[in-house]
Amino acid sequence: MAIIKQTNKKTGVTYVYDSHSYWDKEKKQHRSDRKLIGKIDPETGEIVPTRKKKEVVGTDKESSARIKTLEANIAKKDEELQSLRDKVSNLQRELKDKDRILDKIRLIVTD
């Protein structure tokens, strides 16, 4: 394993890599892998690690707590929805009753 420094000509930034050499049996040649360590700070000359890939936001505990909260909200909304459906059903029954009464009144008035 070796440390390689490589400067980007466009930006002037020097990157530091960890190089690992190995023998490729198929091609019968030496090969190497590089892994980026970081870049060199021009003021201090120290290696500054590059940022890691974005981590998943939230932990399992936070996720499960969020899921429980959402499930409780869904249950509450389902209850509200059922209550509204019951009210609509009652109003439809009342409307039918009033329509029947109106029909009877019309028959009386037209006779």
PDB file of N, CA and C in Angstrom:
ATOM      1  N   MET A   1       0.848  -1.170   0.000  1.00  0.00           N
ATOM      2  CA  MET A   1       0.000   0.000   0.000  1.00  0.00           C
ATOM      3  C   MET A   1       0.889   1.228   0.000  1.00  0.00           C
ATOM      4  N   ALA A   2       0.483   2.159  -0.853  1.00  0.00           N
ATOM      5  CA  ALA A   2       1.258   3.390  -0.981  1.00  0.00           C
ATOM      6  C   ALA A   2       0.311   4.582  -0.992  1.00  0.00           C
ATOM      7  N   ILE A   3       0.853   5.723  -0.597  1.00  0.00           N
ATOM      8  CA  ILE A   3       0.071   6.946  -0.639  1.00  0.00           C
ATOM      9  C   ILE A   3       0.499   7.715  -1.887  1.00  0.00           C
ATOM     10  N   ILE A   4      -0.494   8.073  -2.716  1.00  0.00           N
ATOM     11  CA  ILE A   4      -0.241   8.769  -3.969  1.00  0.00           C
ATOM     12  C   ILE A   4      -0.848  10.165  -3.869  1.00  0.00           C
ATOM     13  N   LYS A   5      -0.099  11.162  -4.331  1.00  0.00           N
ATOM     14  CA  LYS A   5      -0.620  12.523  -4.404  1.00  0.00           C
ATOM     15  C   LYS A   5      -0.796  12.866  -5.867  1.00  0.00           C
ATOM     16  N   GLN A   6      -1.950  13.430  -6.206  1.00  0.00           N
ATOM     17  CA  GLN A   6      -2.222  13.788  -7.593  1.00  0.00           C
ATOM     18  C   GLN A   6      -2.883  15.157  -7.614  1.00  0.00           C
ATOM     19  N   THR A   7      -2.333  16.065  -8.431  1.00  0.00           N
ATOM     20  CA  THR A   7      -2.846  17.425  -8.501  1.00  0.00           C
ATOM     21  C   THR A   7      -3.755  17.579  -9.708  1.00  0.00           C
ATOM     22  N   ASN A   8      -4.916  18.172  -9.476  1.00  0.00           N
ATOM     23  CA  ASN A   8      -5.847  18.482 -10.550  1.00  0.00           C
ATOM     24  C   ASN A   8      -5.370  19.775 -11.202  1.00  0.00           C
ATOM     25  N   LYS A   9      -5.070  19.725 -12.491  1.00  0.00           N
ATOM     26  CA  LYS A   9      -4.503  20.887 -13.178  1.00  0.00           C
ATOM     27  C   LYS A   9      -5.500  22.039 -13.283  1.00  0.00           C
ATOM     28  N   LYS A  10      -6.770  21.737 -13.433  1.00  0.00           N
ATOM     29  CA  LYS A  10      -7.775  22.788 -13.581  1.00  0.00           C
ATOM     30  C   LYS A  10      -8.001  23.551 -12.281  1.00  0.00           C
ATOM     31  N   THR A  11      -8.131  22.826 -11.179  1.00  0.00           N
ATOM     32  CA  THR A  11      -8.455  23.466  -9.900  1.00  0.00           C
ATOM     33  C   THR A  11      -7.232  23.717  -9.032  1.00  0.00           C
ATOM     34  N   GLY A  12      -6.146  23.000  -9.280  1.00  0.00           N
ATOM     35  CA  GLY A  12      -4.948  23.146  -8.472  1.00  0.00           C
ATOM     36  C   GLY A  12      -5.021  22.416  -7.142  1.00  0.00           C
ATOM     37  N   VAL A  13      -6.039  21.623  -6.949  1.00  0.00           N
ATOM     38  CA  VAL A  13      -6.221  20.888  -5.698  1.00  0.00           C
ATOM     39  C   VAL A  13      -5.442  19.583  -5.785  1.00  0.00           C
ATOM     40  N   THR A  14      -4.718  19.264  -4.718  1.00  0.00           N
ATOM     41  CA  THR A  14      -3.965  18.012  -4.661  1.00  0.00           C
ATOM     42  C   THR A  14      -4.743  17.003  -3.838  1.00  0.00           C
ATOM     43  N   TYR A  15      -5.069  15.894  -4.480  1.00  0.00           N
ATOM     44  CA  TYR A  15      -5.812  14.817  -3.831  1.00  0.00           C
ATOM     45  C   TYR A  15      -4.849  13.729  -3.385  1.00  0.00           C
ATOM     46  N   VAL A  16      -5.212  13.052  -2.287  1.00  0.00           N
ATOM     47  CA  VAL A  16      -4.378  11.994  -1.722  1.00  0.00           C
ATOM     48  C   VAL A  16      -5.144  10.681  -1.824  1.00  0.00           C
ATOM     49  N   TYR A  17      -4.482   9.663  -2.385  1.00  0.00           N
ATOM     50  CA  TYR A  17      -5.101   8.352  -2.576  1.00  0.00           C
ATOM     51  C   TYR A  17      -4.294   7.288  -1.864  1.00  0.00           C
ATOM     52  N   ASP A  18      -4.964   6.215  -1.461  1.00  0.00           N
ATOM     53  CA  ASP A  18      -4.309   5.027  -0.943  1.00  0.00           C
ATOM     54  C   ASP A  18      -4.317   4.018  -2.084  1.00  0.00           C
ATOM     55  N   SER A  19      -3.137   3.647  -2.549  1.00  0.00           N
ATOM     56  CA  SER A  19      -3.037   2.757  -3.694  1.00  0.00           C
ATOM     57  C   SER A  19      -2.668   1.358  -3.225  1.00  0.00           C
ATOM     58  N   HIS A  20      -3.332   0.360  -3.812  1.00  0.00           N
ATOM     59  CA  HIS A  20      -3.092  -1.027  -3.462  1.00  0.00           C
ATOM     60  C   HIS A  20      -2.807  -1.799  -4.746  1.00  0.00           C
ATOM     61  N   SER A  21      -1.646  -2.423  -4.843  1.00  0.00           N
ATOM     62  CA  SER A  21      -1.286  -3.190  -6.040  1.00  0.00           C
ATOM     63  C   SER A  21      -1.558  -4.670  -5.826  1.00  0.00           C
ATOM     64  N   TYR A  22      -1.934  -5.336  -6.930  1.00  0.00           N
ATOM     65  CA  TYR A  22      -2.186  -6.770  -6.864  1.00  0.00           C
ATOM     66  C   TYR A  22      -1.914  -7.383  -8.236  1.00  0.00           C
ATOM     67  N   TRP A  23      -1.801  -8.708  -8.252  1.00  0.00           N
ATOM     68  CA  TRP A  23      -1.537  -9.448  -9.489  1.00  0.00           C
ATOM     69  C   TRP A  23      -2.868  -9.943 -10.063  1.00  0.00           C
ATOM     70  N   ASP A  24      -3.136  -9.576 -11.330  1.00  0.00           N
ATOM     71  CA  ASP A  24      -4.334 -10.029 -12.021  1.00  0.00           C
ATOM     72  C   ASP A  24      -4.001 -11.340 -12.721  1.00  0.00           C
ATOM     73  N   LYS A  25      -4.580 -12.442 -12.247  1.00  0.00           N
ATOM     74  CA  LYS A  25      -4.253 -13.762 -12.786  1.00  0.00           C
ATOM     75  C   LYS A  25      -4.739 -13.925 -14.223  1.00  0.00           C
ATOM     76  N   GLU A  26      -5.894 -13.372 -14.546  1.00  0.00           N
ATOM     77  CA  GLU A  26      -6.427 -13.518 -15.898  1.00  0.00           C
ATOM     78  C   GLU A  26      -5.548 -12.816 -16.934  1.00  0.00           C
ATOM     79  N   LYS A  27      -5.210 -11.586 -16.672  1.00  0.00           N
ATOM     80  CA  LYS A  27      -4.428 -10.810 -17.639  1.00  0.00           C
ATOM     81  C   LYS A  27      -2.924 -10.972 -17.438  1.00  0.00           C
ATOM     82  N   LYS A  28      -2.568 -11.625 -16.337  1.00  0.00           N
ATOM     83  CA  LYS A  28      -1.171 -11.837 -15.991  1.00  0.00           C
ATOM     84  C   LYS A  28      -0.390 -10.517 -15.989  1.00  0.00           C
ATOM     85  N   GLN A  29      -0.969  -9.561 -15.282  1.00  0.00           N
ATOM     86  CA  GLN A  29      -0.359  -8.231 -15.155  1.00  0.00           C
ATOM     87  C   GLN A  29      -0.602  -7.698 -13.747  1.00  0.00           C
ATOM     88  N   HIS A  30       0.218  -6.737 -13.384  1.00  0.00           N
ATOM     89  CA  HIS A  30      -0.013  -6.040 -12.121  1.00  0.00           C
ATOM     90  C   HIS A  30      -1.135  -5.035 -12.325  1.00  0.00           C
ATOM     91  N   ARG A  31      -1.975  -4.925 -11.335  1.00  0.00           N
ATOM     92  CA  ARG A  31      -3.063  -3.951 -11.335  1.00  0.00           C
ATOM     93  C   ARG A  31      -3.027  -3.196 -10.015  1.00  0.00           C
ATOM     94  N   SER A  32      -3.716  -2.054  -9.989  1.00  0.00           N
ATOM     95  CA  SER A  32      -3.772  -1.302  -8.735  1.00  0.00           C
ATOM     96  C   SER A  32      -5.157  -0.704  -8.554  1.00  0.00           C
ATOM     97  N   ASP A  33      -5.538  -0.609  -7.312  1.00  0.00           N
ATOM     98  CA  ASP A  33      -6.778   0.044  -6.926  1.00  0.00           C
ATOM     99  C   ASP A  33      -6.422   1.281  -6.131  1.00  0.00           C
ATOM    100  N   ARG A  34      -7.189   2.335  -6.325  1.00  0.00           N
ATOM    101  CA  ARG A  34      -6.978   3.556  -5.556  1.00  0.00           C
ATOM    102  C   ARG A  34      -8.234   3.874  -4.764  1.00  0.00           C
ATOM    103  N   LYS A  35      -8.015   4.348  -3.553  1.00  0.00           N
ATOM    104  CA  LYS A  35      -9.123   4.779  -2.721  1.00  0.00           C
ATOM    105  C   LYS A  35      -8.812   6.199  -2.250  1.00  0.00           C
ATOM    106  N   LEU A  36      -9.748   7.105  -2.486  1.00  0.00           N
ATOM    107  CA  LEU A  36      -9.537   8.501  -2.126  1.00  0.00           C
ATOM    108  C   LEU A  36      -9.528   8.657  -0.605  1.00  0.00           C
ATOM    109  N   ILE A  37      -8.483   9.296  -0.111  1.00  0.00           N
ATOM    110  CA  ILE A  37      -8.383   9.568   1.325  1.00  0.00           C
ATOM    111  C   ILE A  37      -8.882  10.978   1.616  1.00  0.00           C
ATOM    112  N   GLY A  38      -8.427  11.930   0.809  1.00  0.00           N
ATOM    113  CA  GLY A  38      -8.823  13.315   1.028  1.00  0.00           C
ATOM    114  C   GLY A  38      -8.046  14.231   0.117  1.00  0.00           C
ATOM    115  N   LYS A  39      -7.956  15.491   0.512  1.00  0.00           N
ATOM    116  CA  LYS A  39      -7.167  16.444  -0.256  1.00  0.00           C
ATOM    117  C   LYS A  39      -6.256  17.203   0.700  1.00  0.00           C
ATOM    118  N   ILE A  40      -5.221  17.793   0.140  1.00  0.00           N
ATOM    119  CA  ILE A  40      -4.247  18.501   0.964  1.00  0.00           C
ATOM    120  C   ILE A  40      -4.674  19.952   1.105  1.00  0.00           C
ATOM    121  N   ASP A  41      -4.714  20.431   2.355  1.00  0.00           N
ATOM    122  CA  ASP A  41      -5.044  21.826   2.617  1.00  0.00           C
ATOM    123  C   ASP A  41      -3.832  22.665   2.230  1.00  0.00           C
ATOM    124  N   PRO A  42      -3.992  23.624   1.317  1.00  0.00           N
ATOM    125  CA  PRO A  42      -2.838  24.391   0.845  1.00  0.00           C
ATOM    126  C   PRO A  42      -2.184  25.245   1.929  1.00  0.00           C
ATOM    127  N   GLU A  43      -2.931  25.682   2.934  1.00  0.00           N
ATOM    128  CA  GLU A  43      -2.371  26.532   3.983  1.00  0.00           C
ATOM    129  C   GLU A  43      -1.577  25.736   5.006  1.00  0.00           C
ATOM    130  N   THR A  44      -2.145  24.619   5.462  1.00  0.00           N
ATOM    131  CA  THR A  44      -1.492  23.855   6.521  1.00  0.00           C
ATOM    132  C   THR A  44      -0.691  22.676   5.993  1.00  0.00           C
ATOM    133  N   GLY A  45      -1.006  22.206   4.811  1.00  0.00           N
ATOM    134  CA  GLY A  45      -0.319  21.048   4.254  1.00  0.00           C
ATOM    135  C   GLY A  45      -0.837  19.731   4.816  1.00  0.00           C
ATOM    136  N   GLU A  46      -1.909  19.780   5.605  1.00  0.00           N
ATOM    137  CA  GLU A  46      -2.475  18.573   6.183  1.00  0.00           C
ATOM    138  C   GLU A  46      -3.494  17.951   5.233  1.00  0.00           C
ATOM    139  N   ILE A  47      -3.707  16.650   5.418  1.00  0.00           N
ATOM    140  CA  ILE A  47      -4.706  15.948   4.615  1.00  0.00           C
ATOM    141  C   ILE A  47      -6.075  16.174   5.246  1.00  0.00           C
ATOM    142  N   VAL A  48      -7.000  16.695   4.440  1.00  0.00           N
ATOM    143  CA  VAL A  48      -8.367  16.933   4.884  1.00  0.00           C
ATOM    144  C   VAL A  48      -9.239  15.830   4.285  1.00  0.00           C
ATOM    145  N   PRO A  49      -9.874  15.007   5.113  1.00  0.00           N
ATOM    146  CA  PRO A  49     -10.700  13.927   4.567  1.00  0.00           C
ATOM    147  C   PRO A  49     -11.846  14.481   3.728  1.00  0.00           C
ATOM    148  N   THR A  50     -12.137  13.786   2.643  1.00  0.00           N
ATOM    149  CA  THR A  50     -13.280  14.190   1.839  1.00  0.00           C
ATOM    150  C   THR A  50     -14.542  13.740   2.544  1.00  0.00           C
ATOM    151  N   ARG A  51     -15.641  14.393   2.233  1.00  0.00           N
ATOM    152  CA  ARG A  51     -16.885  14.053   2.926  1.00  0.00           C
ATOM    153  C   ARG A  51     -17.357  12.670   2.526  1.00  0.00           C
ATOM    154  N   LYS A  52     -18.036  12.031   3.446  1.00  0.00           N
ATOM    155  CA  LYS A  52     -18.577  10.706   3.200  1.00  0.00           C
ATOM    156  C   LYS A  52     -19.852  10.840   2.387  1.00  0.00           C
ATOM    157  N   LYS A  53     -20.309   9.736   1.848  1.00  0.00           N
ATOM    158  CA  LYS A  53     -21.579   9.730   1.138  1.00  0.00           C
ATOM    159  C   LYS A  53     -22.669  10.078   2.132  1.00  0.00           C
ATOM    160  N   LYS A  54     -23.765  10.640   1.625  1.00  0.00           N
ATOM    161  CA  LYS A  54     -24.853  11.038   2.499  1.00  0.00           C
ATOM    162  C   LYS A  54     -25.368   9.841   3.275  1.00  0.00           C
ATOM    163  N   GLU A  55     -25.525  10.045   4.564  1.00  0.00           N
ATOM    164  CA  GLU A  55     -26.042   8.986   5.413  1.00  0.00           C
ATOM    165  C   GLU A  55     -27.560   9.056   5.421  1.00  0.00           C
ATOM    166  N   VAL A  56     -28.184   7.952   5.692  1.00  0.00           N
ATOM    167  CA  VAL A  56     -29.630   7.905   5.768  1.00  0.00           C
ATOM    168  C   VAL A  56     -30.060   8.699   6.991  1.00  0.00           C
ATOM    169  N   VAL A  57     -30.993   9.609   6.775  1.00  0.00           N
ATOM    170  CA  VAL A  57     -31.447  10.465   7.863  1.00  0.00           C
ATOM    171  C   VAL A  57     -32.366   9.668   8.783  1.00  0.00           C
ATOM    172  N   GLY A  58     -32.108   9.776  10.071  1.00  0.00           N
ATOM    173  CA  GLY A  58     -32.968   9.099  11.044  1.00  0.00           C
ATOM    174  C   GLY A  58     -32.463   7.710  11.384  1.00  0.00           C
ATOM    175  N   THR A  59     -32.749   7.327  12.600  1.00  0.00           N
ATOM    176  CA  THR A  59     -32.362   6.000  13.052  1.00  0.00           C
ATOM    177  C   THR A  59     -33.572   5.091  13.038  1.00  0.00           C
ATOM    178  N   ASP A  60     -33.359   3.847  13.329  1.00  0.00           N
ATOM    179  CA  ASP A  60     -34.467   2.897  13.367  1.00  0.00           C
ATOM    180  C   ASP A  60     -35.491   3.289  14.432  1.00  0.00           C
ATOM    181  N   LYS A  61     -35.013   3.768  15.582  1.00  0.00           N
ATOM    182  CA  LYS A  61     -35.929   4.165  16.657  1.00  0.00           C
ATOM    183  C   LYS A  61     -36.760   5.357  16.215  1.00  0.00           C
ATOM    184  N   GLU A  62     -36.096   6.328  15.566  1.00  0.00           N
ATOM    185  CA  GLU A  62     -36.820   7.504  15.097  1.00  0.00           C
ATOM    186  C   GLU A  62     -37.839   7.102  14.033  1.00  0.00           C
ATOM    187  N   SER A  63     -37.444   6.208  13.150  1.00  0.00           N
ATOM    188  CA  SER A  63     -38.342   5.765  12.081  1.00  0.00           C
ATOM    189  C   SER A  63     -39.552   5.041  12.654  1.00  0.00           C
ATOM    190  N   SER A  64     -39.324   4.151  13.611  1.00  0.00           N
ATOM    191  CA  SER A  64     -40.450   3.407  14.184  1.00  0.00           C
ATOM    192  C   SER A  64     -41.370   4.340  14.966  1.00  0.00           C
ATOM    193  N   ALA A  65     -40.811   5.335  15.635  1.00  0.00           N
ATOM    194  CA  ALA A  65     -41.641   6.303  16.359  1.00  0.00           C
ATOM    195  C   ALA A  65     -42.466   7.114  15.363  1.00  0.00           C
ATOM    196  N   ARG A  66     -41.861   7.495  14.270  1.00  0.00           N
ATOM    197  CA  ARG A  66     -42.567   8.255  13.226  1.00  0.00           C
ATOM    198  C   ARG A  66     -43.683   7.407  12.618  1.00  0.00           C
ATOM    199  N   ILE A  67     -43.398   6.134  12.389  1.00  0.00           N
ATOM    200  CA  ILE A  67     -44.401   5.232  11.825  1.00  0.00           C
ATOM    201  C   ILE A  67     -45.584   5.088  12.782  1.00  0.00           C
ATOM    202  N   LYS A  68     -45.303   4.944  14.082  1.00  0.00           N
ATOM    203  CA  LYS A  68     -46.381   4.819  15.062  1.00  0.00           C
ATOM    204  C   LYS A  68     -47.249   6.072  15.090  1.00  0.00           C
ATOM    205  N   THR A  69     -46.610   7.232  15.015  1.00  0.00           N
ATOM    206  CA  THR A  69     -47.350   8.493  14.992  1.00  0.00           C
ATOM    207  C   THR A  69     -48.247   8.563  13.761  1.00  0.00           C
ATOM    208  N   LEU A  70     -47.691   8.185  12.606  1.00  0.00           N
ATOM    209  CA  LEU A  70     -48.474   8.215  11.375  1.00  0.00           C
ATOM    210  C   LEU A  70     -49.632   7.227  11.422  1.00  0.00           C
ATOM    211  N   GLU A  71     -49.389   6.038  11.980  1.00  0.00           N
ATOM    212  CA  GLU A  71     -50.468   5.052  12.104  1.00  0.00           C
ATOM    213  C   GLU A  71     -51.578   5.569  13.016  1.00  0.00           C
ATOM    214  N   ALA A  72     -51.213   6.255  14.103  1.00  0.00           N
ATOM    215  CA  ALA A  72     -52.214   6.823  15.006  1.00  0.00           C
ATOM    216  C   ALA A  72     -53.022   7.897  14.279  1.00  0.00           C
ATOM    217  N   ASN A  73     -52.332   8.721  13.477  1.00  0.00           N
ATOM    218  CA  ASN A  73     -53.035   9.753  12.710  1.00  0.00           C
ATOM    219  C   ASN A  73     -53.992   9.126  11.699  1.00  0.00           C
ATOM    220  N   ILE A  74     -53.571   8.054  11.069  1.00  0.00           N
ATOM    221  CA  ILE A  74     -54.427   7.360  10.095  1.00  0.00           C
ATOM    222  C   ILE A  74     -55.660   6.799  10.790  1.00  0.00           C
ATOM    223  N   ALA A  75     -55.467   6.185  11.960  1.00  0.00           N
ATOM    224  CA  ALA A  75     -56.600   5.632  12.707  1.00  0.00           C
ATOM    225  C   ALA A  75     -57.589   6.735  13.088  1.00  0.00           C
ATOM    226  N   LYS A  76     -57.074   7.883  13.512  1.00  0.00           N
ATOM    227  CA  LYS A  76     -57.925   9.009  13.876  1.00  0.00           C
ATOM    228  C   LYS A  76     -58.702   9.501  12.660  1.00  0.00           C
ATOM    229  N   LYS A  77     -58.039   9.604  11.532  1.00  0.00           N
ATOM    230  CA  LYS A  77     -58.700  10.055  10.298  1.00  0.00           C
ATOM    231  C   LYS A  77     -59.750   9.039   9.848  1.00  0.00           C
ATOM    232  N   ASP A  78     -59.461   7.756  10.020  1.00  0.00           N
ATOM    233  CA  ASP A  78     -60.444   6.721   9.668  1.00  0.00           C
ATOM    234  C   ASP A  78     -61.712   6.858  10.518  1.00  0.00           C
ATOM    235  N   GLU A  79     -61.532   7.145  11.811  1.00  0.00           N
ATOM    236  CA  GLU A  79     -62.685   7.344  12.685  1.00  0.00           C
ATOM    237  C   GLU A  79     -63.498   8.551  12.244  1.00  0.00           C
ATOM    238  N   GLU A  80     -62.804   9.646  11.904  1.00  0.00           N
ATOM    239  CA  GLU A  80     -63.491  10.848  11.438  1.00  0.00           C
ATOM    240  C   GLU A  80     -64.245  10.559  10.138  1.00  0.00           C
ATOM    241  N   LEU A  81     -63.628   9.815   9.254  1.00  0.00           N
ATOM    242  CA  LEU A  81     -64.246   9.469   7.982  1.00  0.00           C
ATOM    243  C   LEU A  81     -65.501   8.633   8.193  1.00  0.00           C
ATOM    244  N   GLN A  82     -65.421   7.666   9.083  1.00  0.00           N
ATOM    245  CA  GLN A  82     -66.594   6.824   9.376  1.00  0.00           C
ATOM    246  C   GLN A  82     -67.712   7.658   9.976  1.00  0.00           C
ATOM    247  N   SER A  83     -67.366   8.593  10.860  1.00  0.00           N
ATOM    248  CA  SER A  83     -68.367   9.467  11.464  1.00  0.00           C
ATOM    249  C   SER A  83     -69.056  10.311  10.389  1.00  0.00           C
ATOM    250  N   LEU A  84     -68.258  10.839   9.445  1.00  0.00           N
ATOM    251  CA  LEU A  84     -68.838  11.636   8.360  1.00  0.00           C
ATOM    252  C   LEU A  84     -69.714  10.787   7.443  1.00  0.00           C
ATOM    253  N   ARG A  85     -69.315   9.561   7.208  1.00  0.00           N
ATOM    254  CA  ARG A  85     -70.142   8.665   6.388  1.00  0.00           C
ATOM    255  C   ARG A  85     -71.479   8.392   7.069  1.00  0.00           C
ATOM    256  N   ASP A  86     -71.455   8.193   8.392  1.00  0.00           N
ATOM    257  CA  ASP A  86     -72.686   7.969   9.138  1.00  0.00           C
ATOM    258  C   ASP A  86     -73.610   9.186   9.046  1.00  0.00           C
ATOM    259  N   LYS A  87     -73.020  10.390   9.159  1.00  0.00           N
ATOM    260  CA  LYS A  87     -73.815  11.618   9.060  1.00  0.00           C
ATOM    261  C   LYS A  87     -74.448  11.746   7.676  1.00  0.00           C
ATOM    262  N   VAL A  88     -73.680  11.438   6.639  1.00  0.00           N
ATOM    263  CA  VAL A  88     -74.203  11.503   5.269  1.00  0.00           C
ATOM    264  C   VAL A  88     -75.359  10.518   5.107  1.00  0.00           C
ATOM    265  N   SER A  89     -75.190   9.322   5.626  1.00  0.00           N
ATOM    266  CA  SER A  89     -76.248   8.311   5.543  1.00  0.00           C
ATOM    267  C   SER A  89     -77.523   8.787   6.242  1.00  0.00           C
ATOM    268  N   ASN A  90     -77.383   9.370   7.423  1.00  0.00           N
ATOM    269  CA  ASN A  90     -78.546   9.893   8.164  1.00  0.00           C
ATOM    270  C   ASN A  90     -79.216  11.024   7.393  1.00  0.00           C
ATOM    271  N   LEU A  91     -78.419  11.915   6.822  1.00  0.00           N
ATOM    272  CA  LEU A  91     -78.983  13.020   6.055  1.00  0.00           C
ATOM    273  C   LEU A  91     -79.711  12.520   4.807  1.00  0.00           C
ATOM    274  N   GLN A  92     -79.184  11.482   4.179  1.00  0.00           N
ATOM    275  CA  GLN A  92     -79.858  10.916   3.014  1.00  0.00           C
ATOM    276  C   GLN A  92     -81.207  10.315   3.408  1.00  0.00           C
ATOM    277  N   ARG A  93     -81.267   9.632   4.555  1.00  0.00           N
ATOM    278  CA  ARG A  93     -82.533   9.079   5.039  1.00  0.00           C
ATOM    279  C   ARG A  93     -83.546  10.196   5.311  1.00  0.00           C
ATOM    280  N   GLU A  94     -83.086  11.260   5.964  1.00  0.00           N
ATOM    281  CA  GLU A  94     -83.967  12.393   6.245  1.00  0.00           C
ATOM    282  C   GLU A  94     -84.482  13.009   4.945  1.00  0.00           C
ATOM    283  N   LEU A  95     -83.616  13.119   3.957  1.00  0.00           N
ATOM    284  CA  LEU A  95     -84.008  13.691   2.674  1.00  0.00           C
ATOM    285  C   LEU A  95     -85.073  12.840   1.989  1.00  0.00           C
ATOM    286  N   LYS A  96     -84.900  11.537   2.027  1.00  0.00           N
ATOM    287  CA  LYS A  96     -85.903  10.631   1.449  1.00  0.00           C
ATOM    288  C   LYS A  96     -87.245  10.784   2.164  1.00  0.00           C
ATOM    289  N   ASP A  97     -87.212  10.871   3.491  1.00  0.00           N
ATOM    290  CA  ASP A  97     -88.441  11.046   4.263  1.00  0.00           C
ATOM    291  C   ASP A  97     -89.135  12.351   3.879  1.00  0.00           C
ATOM    292  N   LYS A  98     -88.391  13.406   3.760  1.00  0.00           N
ATOM    293  CA  LYS A  98     -88.960  14.711   3.420  1.00  0.00           C
ATOM    294  C   LYS A  98     -89.472  14.712   1.983  1.00  0.00           C
ATOM    295  N   ASP A  99     -88.807  13.988   1.097  1.00  0.00           N
ATOM    296  CA  ASP A  99     -89.287  13.863  -0.280  1.00  0.00           C
ATOM    297  C   ASP A  99     -90.638  13.146  -0.307  1.00  0.00           C
ATOM    298  N   ARG A 100     -90.807  12.129   0.496  1.00  0.00           N
ATOM    299  CA  ARG A 100     -92.076  11.399   0.572  1.00  0.00           C
ATOM    300  C   ARG A 100     -93.191  12.325   1.068  1.00  0.00           C
ATOM    301  N   ILE A 101     -92.876  13.106   2.091  1.00  0.00           N
ATOM    302  CA  ILE A 101     -93.861  14.042   2.638  1.00  0.00           C
ATOM    303  C   ILE A 101     -94.235  15.079   1.577  1.00  0.00           C
ATOM    304  N   LEU A 102     -93.213  15.578   0.875  1.00  0.00           N
ATOM    305  CA  LEU A 102     -93.470  16.555  -0.182  1.00  0.00           C
ATOM    306  C   LEU A 102     -94.347  15.964  -1.294  1.00  0.00           C
ATOM    307  N   ASP A 103     -94.090  14.719  -1.646  1.00  0.00           N
ATOM    308  CA  ASP A 103     -94.898  14.054  -2.668  1.00  0.00           C
ATOM    309  C   ASP A 103     -96.358  13.965  -2.215  1.00  0.00           C
ATOM    310  N   LYS A 104     -96.567  13.638  -0.951  1.00  0.00           N
ATOM    311  CA  LYS A 104     -97.930  13.545  -0.421  1.00  0.00           C
ATOM    312  C   LYS A 104     -98.616  14.917  -0.471  1.00  0.00           C
ATOM    313  N   ILE A 105     -97.879  15.948  -0.122  1.00  0.00           N
ATOM    314  CA  ILE A 105     -98.426  17.303  -0.144  1.00  0.00           C
ATOM    315  C   ILE A 105     -98.768  17.697  -1.569  1.00  0.00           C
ATOM    316  N   ARG A 106     -97.950  17.390  -2.517  1.00  0.00           N
ATOM    317  CA  ARG A 106     -98.200  17.694  -3.932  1.00  0.00           C
ATOM    318  C   ARG A 106     -99.476  17.007  -4.413  1.00  0.00           C
ATOM    319  N   LEU A 107     -99.618  15.746  -4.018  1.00  0.00           N
ATOM    320  CA  LEU A 107    -100.830  15.011  -4.413  1.00  0.00           C
ATOM    321  C   LEU A 107    -102.080  15.672  -3.857  1.00  0.00           C
ATOM    322  N   ILE A 108    -102.012  16.133  -2.634  1.00  0.00           N
ATOM    323  CA  ILE A 108    -103.165  16.767  -1.994  1.00  0.00           C
ATOM    324  C   ILE A 108    -103.478  18.096  -2.678  1.00  0.00           C
ATOM    325  N   VAL A 109    -102.449  18.877  -2.957  1.00  0.00           N
ATOM    326  CA  VAL A 109    -102.612  20.208  -3.541  1.00  0.00           C
ATOM    327  C   VAL A 109    -103.129  20.089  -4.977  1.00  0.00           C
ATOM    328  N   THR A 110    -102.645  19.158  -5.753  1.00  0.00           N
ATOM    329  CA  THR A 110    -103.050  19.034  -7.143  1.00  0.00           C
ATOM    330  C   THR A 110    -104.457  18.457  -7.313  1.00  0.00           C
ATOM    331  N   ASP A 111    -104.966  17.781  -6.328  1.00  0.00           N
ATOM    332  CA  ASP A 111    -106.317  17.191  -6.416  1.00  0.00           C
ATOM    333  C   ASP A 111    -107.337  18.207  -6.275  1.00  0.00           C
TER     334      ASP A 111
END
